Amino acid sequence: VQAGGSLRLSCAASGRTFSSYAMGWFRQAPGLAREFV
């Protein structure tokens, strides 16, 4: 996407019935540690 644009990420659980107490997003840029989003 170009700078200034938008994206919508999705994350879905597959497999057996699943539920959680919390979910999160992290990201990792090249050469850098993974960081919390």
ModelCIF file with pLDDT and N, C-alpha, C, O atoms, coordinates in Angstrom:
data_MODEL
#
_entry.id   MODEL 
#
_entity.id                         1 
_entity.type                       polymer 
_entity.pdbx_number_of_molecules   1 
#
_entity_poly.entity_id                      1 
_entity_poly.type                           'polypeptide(L)' 
_entity_poly.nstd_linkage                   no 
_entity_poly.nstd_monomer                   no 
_entity_poly.pdbx_seq_one_letter_code       VQAGGSLRLSCAASGRTFSSYAMGWFRQAPGLAREFV 
_entity_poly.pdbx_seq_one_letter_code_can   VQAGGSLRLSCAASGRTFSSYAMGWFRQAPGLAREFV 
_entity_poly.pdbx_strand_id                 A 
#
loop_
_entity_poly_seq.entity_id 
_entity_poly_seq.num 
_entity_poly_seq.mon_id 
_entity_poly_seq.hetero 
1 1  VAL n 
1 2  GLN n 
1 3  ALA n 
1 4  GLY n 
1 5  GLY n 
1 6  SER n 
1 7  LEU n 
1 8  ARG n 
1 9  LEU n 
1 10 SER n 
1 11 CYS n 
1 12 ALA n 
1 13 ALA n 
1 14 SER n 
1 15 GLY n 
1 16 ARG n 
1 17 THR n 
1 18 PHE n 
1 19 SER n 
1 20 SER n 
1 21 TYR n 
1 22 ALA n 
1 23 MET n 
1 24 GLY n 
1 25 TRP n 
1 26 PHE n 
1 27 ARG n 
1 28 GLN n 
1 29 ALA n 
1 30 PRO n 
1 31 GLY n 
1 32 LEU n 
1 33 ALA n 
1 34 ARG n 
1 35 GLU n 
1 36 PHE n 
1 37 VAL n 
#
_struct_asym.id          A 
_struct_asym.entity_id   1 
#
loop_
_ma_qa_metric.id 
_ma_qa_metric.mode 
_ma_qa_metric.name 
_ma_qa_metric.software_group_id 
_ma_qa_metric.type 
1 global pLDDT . pLDDT 
2 local  pLDDT . pLDDT 
#
_ma_qa_metric_global.metric_id      1 
_ma_qa_metric_global.metric_value   94.62 
_ma_qa_metric_global.model_id       1 
_ma_qa_metric_global.ordinal_id     1 
#
loop_
_ma_qa_metric_local.label_asym_id 
_ma_qa_metric_local.label_comp_id 
_ma_qa_metric_local.label_seq_id 
_ma_qa_metric_local.metric_id 
_ma_qa_metric_local.metric_value 
_ma_qa_metric_local.model_id 
_ma_qa_metric_local.ordinal_id 
A VAL 1  2 98.00 1 1  
A GLN 2  2 98.00 1 2  
A ALA 3  2 98.00 1 3  
A GLY 4  2 98.00 1 4  
A GLY 5  2 98.00 1 5  
A SER 6  2 98.00 1 6  
A LEU 7  2 98.00 1 7  
A ARG 8  2 98.00 1 8  
A LEU 9  2 98.00 1 9  
A SER 10 2 98.00 1 10 
A CYS 11 2 97.00 1 11 
A ALA 12 2 95.00 1 12 
A ALA 13 2 92.00 1 13 
A SER 14 2 85.00 1 14 
A GLY 15 2 79.00 1 15 
A ARG 16 2 80.00 1 16 
A THR 17 2 82.00 1 17 
A PHE 18 2 86.00 1 18 
A SER 19 2 89.00 1 19 
A SER 20 2 91.00 1 20 
A TYR 21 2 94.00 1 21 
A ALA 22 2 96.00 1 22 
A MET 23 2 97.00 1 23 
A GLY 24 2 98.00 1 24 
A TRP 25 2 98.00 1 25 
A PHE 26 2 98.00 1 26 
A ARG 27 2 98.00 1 27 
A GLN 28 2 98.00 1 28 
A ALA 29 2 97.00 1 29 
A PRO 30 2 93.00 1 30 
A GLY 31 2 95.00 1 31 
A LEU 32 2 96.00 1 32 
A ALA 33 2 97.00 1 33 
A ARG 34 2 97.00 1 34 
A GLU 35 2 97.00 1 35 
A PHE 36 2 98.00 1 36 
A VAL 37 2 98.00 1 37 
#
loop_
_atom_site.group_PDB 
_atom_site.id 
_atom_site.type_symbol 
_atom_site.label_atom_id 
_atom_site.label_alt_id 
_atom_site.label_comp_id 
_atom_site.label_asym_id 
_atom_site.label_entity_id 
_atom_site.label_seq_id 
_atom_site.pdbx_PDB_ins_code 
_atom_site.Cartn_x 
_atom_site.Cartn_y 
_atom_site.Cartn_z 
_atom_site.occupancy 
_atom_site.B_iso_or_equiv 
_atom_site.pdbx_formal_charge 
_atom_site.auth_seq_id 
_atom_site.auth_comp_id 
_atom_site.auth_asym_id 
_atom_site.auth_atom_id 
_atom_site.pdbx_PDB_model_num 
ATOM 1   N N  . VAL A 1 1  ? 0.852   -1.188  0.000  1.00 98.00 ? 1  VAL A N  1 
ATOM 2   C CA . VAL A 1 1  ? 0.000   0.000   0.000  1.00 98.00 ? 1  VAL A CA 1 
ATOM 3   C C  . VAL A 1 1  ? 0.887   1.235   0.000  1.00 98.00 ? 1  VAL A C  1 
ATOM 4   O O  . VAL A 1 1  ? 2.010   1.202   0.502  1.00 98.00 ? 1  VAL A O  1 
ATOM 5   N N  . GLN A 1 2  ? 0.387   2.305   -0.555 1.00 98.00 ? 2  GLN A N  1 
ATOM 6   C CA . GLN A 1 2  ? 1.138   3.556   -0.544 1.00 98.00 ? 2  GLN A CA 1 
ATOM 7   C C  . GLN A 1 2  ? 1.006   4.241   0.807  1.00 98.00 ? 2  GLN A C  1 
ATOM 8   O O  . GLN A 1 2  ? 0.037   4.038   1.538  1.00 98.00 ? 2  GLN A O  1 
ATOM 9   N N  . ALA A 1 3  ? 1.997   5.048   1.115  1.00 98.00 ? 3  ALA A N  1 
ATOM 10  C CA . ALA A 1 3  ? 1.939   5.817   2.352  1.00 98.00 ? 3  ALA A CA 1 
ATOM 11  C C  . ALA A 1 3  ? 0.652   6.639   2.395  1.00 98.00 ? 3  ALA A C  1 
ATOM 12  O O  . ALA A 1 3  ? 0.239   7.233   1.399  1.00 98.00 ? 3  ALA A O  1 
ATOM 13  N N  . GLY A 1 4  ? 0.031   6.655   3.576  1.00 98.00 ? 4  GLY A N  1 
ATOM 14  C CA . GLY A 1 4  ? -1.235  7.337   3.737  1.00 98.00 ? 4  GLY A CA 1 
ATOM 15  C C  . GLY A 1 4  ? -2.443  6.443   3.535  1.00 98.00 ? 4  GLY A C  1 
ATOM 16  O O  . GLY A 1 4  ? -3.567  6.824   3.862  1.00 98.00 ? 4  GLY A O  1 
ATOM 17  N N  . GLY A 1 5  ? -2.217  5.268   3.004  1.00 98.00 ? 5  GLY A N  1 
ATOM 18  C CA . GLY A 1 5  ? -3.301  4.335   2.747  1.00 98.00 ? 5  GLY A CA 1 
ATOM 19  C C  . GLY A 1 5  ? -3.685  3.528   3.971  1.00 98.00 ? 5  GLY A C  1 
ATOM 20  O O  . GLY A 1 5  ? -3.185  3.751   5.073  1.00 98.00 ? 5  GLY A O  1 
ATOM 21  N N  . SER A 1 6  ? -4.593  2.577   3.745  1.00 98.00 ? 6  SER A N  1 
ATOM 22  C CA . SER A 1 6  ? -5.125  1.765   4.845  1.00 98.00 ? 6  SER A CA 1 
ATOM 23  C C  . SER A 1 6  ? -5.104  0.288   4.478  1.00 98.00 ? 6  SER A C  1 
ATOM 24  O O  . SER A 1 6  ? -5.168  -0.084  3.306  1.00 98.00 ? 6  SER A O  1 
ATOM 25  N N  . LEU A 1 7  ? -5.014  -0.530  5.494  1.00 98.00 ? 7  LEU A N  1 
ATOM 26  C CA . LEU A 1 7  ? -5.165  -1.974  5.372  1.00 98.00 ? 7  LEU A CA 1 
ATOM 27  C C  . LEU A 1 7  ? -5.902  -2.487  6.603  1.00 98.00 ? 7  LEU A C  1 
ATOM 28  O O  . LEU A 1 7  ? -5.836  -1.893  7.678  1.00 98.00 ? 7  LEU A O  1 
ATOM 29  N N  . ARG A 1 8  ? -6.600  -3.594  6.426  1.00 98.00 ? 8  ARG A N  1 
ATOM 30  C CA . ARG A 1 8  ? -7.266  -4.243  7.544  1.00 98.00 ? 8  ARG A CA 1 
ATOM 31  C C  . ARG A 1 8  ? -6.780  -5.684  7.622  1.00 98.00 ? 8  ARG A C  1 
ATOM 32  O O  . ARG A 1 8  ? -7.040  -6.487  6.726  1.00 98.00 ? 8  ARG A O  1 
ATOM 33  N N  . LEU A 1 9  ? -6.089  -5.993  8.676  1.00 98.00 ? 9  LEU A N  1 
ATOM 34  C CA . LEU A 1 9  ? -5.605  -7.341  8.896  1.00 98.00 ? 9  LEU A CA 1 
ATOM 35  C C  . LEU A 1 9  ? -6.635  -8.150  9.680  1.00 98.00 ? 9  LEU A C  1 
ATOM 36  O O  . LEU A 1 9  ? -7.338  -7.633  10.547 1.00 98.00 ? 9  LEU A O  1 
ATOM 37  N N  . SER A 1 10 ? -6.695  -9.421  9.346  1.00 98.00 ? 10 SER A N  1 
ATOM 38  C CA . SER A 1 10 ? -7.574  -10.336 10.074 1.00 98.00 ? 10 SER A CA 1 
ATOM 39  C C  . SER A 1 10 ? -6.749  -11.506 10.594 1.00 98.00 ? 10 SER A C  1 
ATOM 40  O O  . SER A 1 10 ? -5.732  -11.879 10.009 1.00 98.00 ? 10 SER A O  1 
ATOM 41  N N  . CYS A 1 11 ? -7.198  -12.065 11.683 1.00 97.00 ? 11 CYS A N  1 
ATOM 42  C CA . CYS A 1 11 ? -6.551  -13.246 12.250 1.00 97.00 ? 11 CYS A CA 1 
ATOM 43  C C  . CYS A 1 11 ? -7.644  -14.127 12.810 1.00 97.00 ? 11 CYS A C  1 
ATOM 44  O O  . CYS A 1 11 ? -8.395  -13.721 13.696 1.00 97.00 ? 11 CYS A O  1 
ATOM 45  N N  . ALA A 1 12 ? -7.728  -15.332 12.286 1.00 95.00 ? 12 ALA A N  1 
ATOM 46  C CA . ALA A 1 12 ? -8.764  -16.249 12.709 1.00 95.00 ? 12 ALA A CA 1 
ATOM 47  C C  . ALA A 1 12 ? -8.159  -17.567 13.169 1.00 95.00 ? 12 ALA A C  1 
ATOM 48  O O  . ALA A 1 12 ? -7.168  -18.044 12.616 1.00 95.00 ? 12 ALA A O  1 
ATOM 49  N N  . ALA A 1 13 ? -8.767  -18.134 14.176 1.00 92.00 ? 13 ALA A N  1 
ATOM 50  C CA . ALA A 1 13 ? -8.321  -19.435 14.667 1.00 92.00 ? 13 ALA A CA 1 
ATOM 51  C C  . ALA A 1 13 ? -8.971  -20.531 13.843 1.00 92.00 ? 13 ALA A C  1 
ATOM 52  O O  . ALA A 1 13 ? -10.169 -20.487 13.563 1.00 92.00 ? 13 ALA A O  1 
ATOM 53  N N  . SER A 1 14 ? -8.183  -21.501 13.464 1.00 85.00 ? 14 SER A N  1 
ATOM 54  C CA . SER A 1 14 ? -8.707  -22.661 12.748 1.00 85.00 ? 14 SER A CA 1 
ATOM 55  C C  . SER A 1 14 ? -8.351  -23.923 13.519 1.00 85.00 ? 14 SER A C  1 
ATOM 56  O O  . SER A 1 14 ? -7.447  -23.929 14.355 1.00 85.00 ? 14 SER A O  1 
ATOM 57  N N  . GLY A 1 15 ? -9.077  -24.984 13.220 1.00 79.00 ? 15 GLY A N  1 
ATOM 58  C CA . GLY A 1 15 ? -8.852  -26.217 13.947 1.00 79.00 ? 15 GLY A CA 1 
ATOM 59  C C  . GLY A 1 15 ? -9.987  -26.473 14.915 1.00 79.00 ? 15 GLY A C  1 
ATOM 60  O O  . GLY A 1 15 ? -11.148 -26.202 14.606 1.00 79.00 ? 15 GLY A O  1 
ATOM 61  N N  . ARG A 1 16 ? -9.666  -26.981 16.057 1.00 80.00 ? 16 ARG A N  1 
ATOM 62  C CA . ARG A 1 16 ? -10.705 -27.294 17.028 1.00 80.00 ? 16 ARG A CA 1 
ATOM 63  C C  . ARG A 1 16 ? -11.328 -26.014 17.578 1.00 80.00 ? 16 ARG A C  1 
ATOM 64  O O  . ARG A 1 16 ? -10.785 -24.923 17.401 1.00 80.00 ? 16 ARG A O  1 
ATOM 65  N N  . THR A 1 17 ? -12.438 -26.151 18.225 1.00 82.00 ? 17 THR A N  1 
ATOM 66  C CA . THR A 1 17 ? -13.111 -24.999 18.817 1.00 82.00 ? 17 THR A CA 1 
ATOM 67  C C  . THR A 1 17 ? -12.143 -24.254 19.717 1.00 82.00 ? 17 THR A C  1 
ATOM 68  O O  . THR A 1 17 ? -11.493 -24.838 20.585 1.00 82.00 ? 17 THR A O  1 
ATOM 69  N N  . PHE A 1 18 ? -12.063 -22.981 19.496 1.00 86.00 ? 18 PHE A N  1 
ATOM 70  C CA . PHE A 1 18 ? -11.058 -22.186 20.179 1.00 86.00 ? 18 PHE A CA 1 
ATOM 71  C C  . PHE A 1 18 ? -11.661 -20.907 20.716 1.00 86.00 ? 18 PHE A C  1 
ATOM 72  O O  . PHE A 1 18 ? -12.456 -20.251 20.043 1.00 86.00 ? 18 PHE A O  1 
ATOM 73  N N  . SER A 1 19 ? -11.285 -20.564 21.912 1.00 89.00 ? 19 SER A N  1 
ATOM 74  C CA . SER A 1 19 ? -11.639 -19.272 22.475 1.00 89.00 ? 19 SER A CA 1 
ATOM 75  C C  . SER A 1 19 ? -10.453 -18.789 23.284 1.00 89.00 ? 19 SER A C  1 
ATOM 76  O O  . SER A 1 19 ? -9.602  -19.576 23.697 1.00 89.00 ? 19 SER A O  1 
ATOM 77  N N  . SER A 1 20 ? -10.408 -17.504 23.500 1.00 91.00 ? 20 SER A N  1 
ATOM 78  C CA . SER A 1 20 ? -9.246  -16.953 24.186 1.00 91.00 ? 20 SER A CA 1 
ATOM 79  C C  . SER A 1 20 ? -9.680  -15.915 25.205 1.00 91.00 ? 20 SER A C  1 
ATOM 80  O O  . SER A 1 20 ? -10.829 -15.472 25.213 1.00 91.00 ? 20 SER A O  1 
ATOM 81  N N  . TYR A 1 21 ? -8.759  -15.538 26.052 1.00 94.00 ? 21 TYR A N  1 
ATOM 82  C CA . TYR A 1 21 ? -8.963  -14.430 26.973 1.00 94.00 ? 21 TYR A CA 1 
ATOM 83  C C  . TYR A 1 21 ? -8.482  -13.116 26.368 1.00 94.00 ? 21 TYR A C  1 
ATOM 84  O O  . TYR A 1 21 ? -8.964  -12.038 26.717 1.00 94.00 ? 21 TYR A O  1 
ATOM 85  N N  . ALA A 1 22 ? -7.533  -13.229 25.466 1.00 96.00 ? 22 ALA A N  1 
ATOM 86  C CA . ALA A 1 22 ? -6.975  -12.029 24.846 1.00 96.00 ? 22 ALA A CA 1 
ATOM 87  C C  . ALA A 1 22 ? -6.280  -12.413 23.551 1.00 96.00 ? 22 ALA A C  1 
ATOM 88  O O  . ALA A 1 22 ? -5.836  -13.549 23.382 1.00 96.00 ? 22 ALA A O  1 
ATOM 89  N N  . MET A 1 23 ? -6.191  -11.461 22.647 1.00 97.00 ? 23 MET A N  1 
ATOM 90  C CA . MET A 1 23 ? -5.447  -11.641 21.406 1.00 97.00 ? 23 MET A CA 1 
ATOM 91  C C  . MET A 1 23 ? -4.697  -10.355 21.107 1.00 97.00 ? 23 MET A C  1 
ATOM 92  O O  . MET A 1 23 ? -5.093  -9.271  21.533 1.00 97.00 ? 23 MET A O  1 
ATOM 93  N N  . GLY A 1 24 ? -3.616  -10.497 20.372 1.00 98.00 ? 24 GLY A N  1 
ATOM 94  C CA . GLY A 1 24 ? -2.809  -9.319  20.102 1.00 98.00 ? 24 GLY A CA 1 
ATOM 95  C C  . GLY A 1 24 ? -2.131  -9.374  18.762 1.00 98.00 ? 24 GLY A C  1 
ATOM 96  O O  . GLY A 1 24 ? -2.138  -10.398 18.078 1.00 98.00 ? 24 GLY A O  1 
ATOM 97  N N  . TRP A 1 25 ? -1.541  -8.245  18.395 1.00 98.00 ? 25 TRP A N  1 
ATOM 98  C CA . TRP A 1 25 ? -0.760  -8.113  17.163 1.00 98.00 ? 25 TRP A CA 1 
ATOM 99  C C  . TRP A 1 25 ? 0.646   -7.634  17.521 1.00 98.00 ? 25 TRP A C  1 
ATOM 100 O O  . TRP A 1 25 ? 0.833   -6.737  18.344 1.00 98.00 ? 25 TRP A O  1 
ATOM 101 N N  . PHE A 1 26 ? 1.612   -8.256  16.883 1.00 98.00 ? 26 PHE A N  1 
ATOM 102 C CA . PHE A 1 26 ? 3.002   -7.833  16.952 1.00 98.00 ? 26 PHE A CA 1 
ATOM 103 C C  . PHE A 1 26 ? 3.508   -7.660  15.528 1.00 98.00 ? 26 PHE A C  1 
ATOM 104 O O  . PHE A 1 26 ? 2.870   -8.112  14.578 1.00 98.00 ? 26 PHE A O  1 
ATOM 105 N N  . ARG A 1 27 ? 4.643   -7.013  15.382 1.00 98.00 ? 27 ARG A N  1 
ATOM 106 C CA . ARG A 1 27 ? 5.229   -6.868  14.054 1.00 98.00 ? 27 ARG A CA 1 
ATOM 107 C C  . ARG A 1 27 ? 6.733   -6.928  14.161 1.00 98.00 ? 27 ARG A C  1 
ATOM 108 O O  . ARG A 1 27 ? 7.327   -6.615  15.193 1.00 98.00 ? 27 ARG A O  1 
ATOM 109 N N  . GLN A 1 28 ? 7.338   -7.350  13.035 1.00 98.00 ? 28 GLN A N  1 
ATOM 110 C CA . GLN A 1 28 ? 8.791   -7.427  12.979 1.00 98.00 ? 28 GLN A CA 1 
ATOM 111 C C  . GLN A 1 28 ? 9.276   -6.898  11.640 1.00 98.00 ? 28 GLN A C  1 
ATOM 112 O O  . GLN A 1 28 ? 8.970   -7.455  10.586 1.00 98.00 ? 28 GLN A O  1 
ATOM 113 N N  . ALA A 1 29 ? 10.028  -5.827  11.702 1.00 97.00 ? 29 ALA A N  1 
ATOM 114 C CA . ALA A 1 29 ? 10.640  -5.257  10.511 1.00 97.00 ? 29 ALA A CA 1 
ATOM 115 C C  . ALA A 1 29 ? 11.998  -5.917  10.286 1.00 97.00 ? 29 ALA A C  1 
ATOM 116 O O  . ALA A 1 29 ? 12.591  -6.448  11.225 1.00 97.00 ? 29 ALA A O  1 
ATOM 117 N N  . PRO A 1 30 ? 12.492  -5.891  9.055  1.00 93.00 ? 30 PRO A N  1 
ATOM 118 C CA . PRO A 1 30 ? 13.789  -6.520  8.769  1.00 93.00 ? 30 PRO A CA 1 
ATOM 119 C C  . PRO A 1 30 ? 14.899  -5.976  9.653  1.00 93.00 ? 30 PRO A C  1 
ATOM 120 O O  . PRO A 1 30 ? 15.088  -4.765  9.768  1.00 93.00 ? 30 PRO A O  1 
ATOM 121 N N  . GLY A 1 31 ? 15.629  -6.894  10.273 1.00 95.00 ? 31 GLY A N  1 
ATOM 122 C CA . GLY A 1 31 ? 16.751  -6.500  11.103 1.00 95.00 ? 31 GLY A CA 1 
ATOM 123 C C  . GLY A 1 31 ? 16.402  -6.007  12.487 1.00 95.00 ? 31 GLY A C  1 
ATOM 124 O O  . GLY A 1 31 ? 17.287  -5.645  13.263 1.00 95.00 ? 31 GLY A O  1 
ATOM 125 N N  . LEU A 1 32 ? 15.125  -5.990  12.801 1.00 96.00 ? 32 LEU A N  1 
ATOM 126 C CA . LEU A 1 32 ? 14.705  -5.482  14.100 1.00 96.00 ? 32 LEU A CA 1 
ATOM 127 C C  . LEU A 1 32 ? 13.996  -6.561  14.907 1.00 96.00 ? 32 LEU A C  1 
ATOM 128 O O  . LEU A 1 32 ? 13.534  -7.563  14.361 1.00 96.00 ? 32 LEU A O  1 
ATOM 129 N N  . ALA A 1 33 ? 13.918  -6.340  16.197 1.00 97.00 ? 33 ALA A N  1 
ATOM 130 C CA . ALA A 1 33 ? 13.198  -7.269  17.054 1.00 97.00 ? 33 ALA A CA 1 
ATOM 131 C C  . ALA A 1 33 ? 11.697  -7.129  16.849 1.00 97.00 ? 33 ALA A C  1 
ATOM 132 O O  . ALA A 1 33 ? 11.208  -6.083  16.421 1.00 97.00 ? 33 ALA A O  1 
ATOM 133 N N  . ARG A 1 34 ? 10.987  -8.182  17.155 1.00 97.00 ? 34 ARG A N  1 
ATOM 134 C CA . ARG A 1 34 ? 9.528   -8.119  17.076 1.00 97.00 ? 34 ARG A CA 1 
ATOM 135 C C  . ARG A 1 34 ? 9.016   -7.168  18.153 1.00 97.00 ? 34 ARG A C  1 
ATOM 136 O O  . ARG A 1 34 ? 9.490   -7.182  19.289 1.00 97.00 ? 34 ARG A O  1 
ATOM 137 N N  . GLU A 1 35 ? 8.048   -6.346  17.780 1.00 97.00 ? 35 GLU A N  1 
ATOM 138 C CA . GLU A 1 35 ? 7.517   -5.374  18.730 1.00 97.00 ? 35 GLU A CA 1 
ATOM 139 C C  . GLU A 1 35 ? 6.004   -5.485  18.839 1.00 97.00 ? 35 GLU A C  1 
ATOM 140 O O  . GLU A 1 35 ? 5.314   -5.899  17.907 1.00 97.00 ? 35 GLU A O  1 
ATOM 141 N N  . PHE A 1 36 ? 5.523   -5.106  19.993 1.00 98.00 ? 36 PHE A N  1 
ATOM 142 C CA . PHE A 1 36 ? 4.102   -5.108  20.268 1.00 98.00 ? 36 PHE A CA 1 
ATOM 143 C C  . PHE A 1 36 ? 3.417   -3.993  19.487 1.00 98.00 ? 36 PHE A C  1 
ATOM 144 O O  . PHE A 1 36 ? 3.952   -2.892  19.351 1.00 98.00 ? 36 PHE A O  1 
ATOM 145 N N  . VAL A 1 37 ? 2.220   -4.298  18.973 1.00 98.00 ? 37 VAL A N  1 
ATOM 146 C CA . VAL A 1 37 ? 1.434   -3.302  18.251 1.00 98.00 ? 37 VAL A CA 1 
ATOM 147 C C  . VAL A 1 37 ? 0.157   -2.967  19.013 1.00 98.00 ? 37 VAL A C  1 
ATOM 148 O O  . VAL A 1 37 ? -0.636  -2.144  18.557 1.00 98.00 ? 37 VAL A O  1 
#
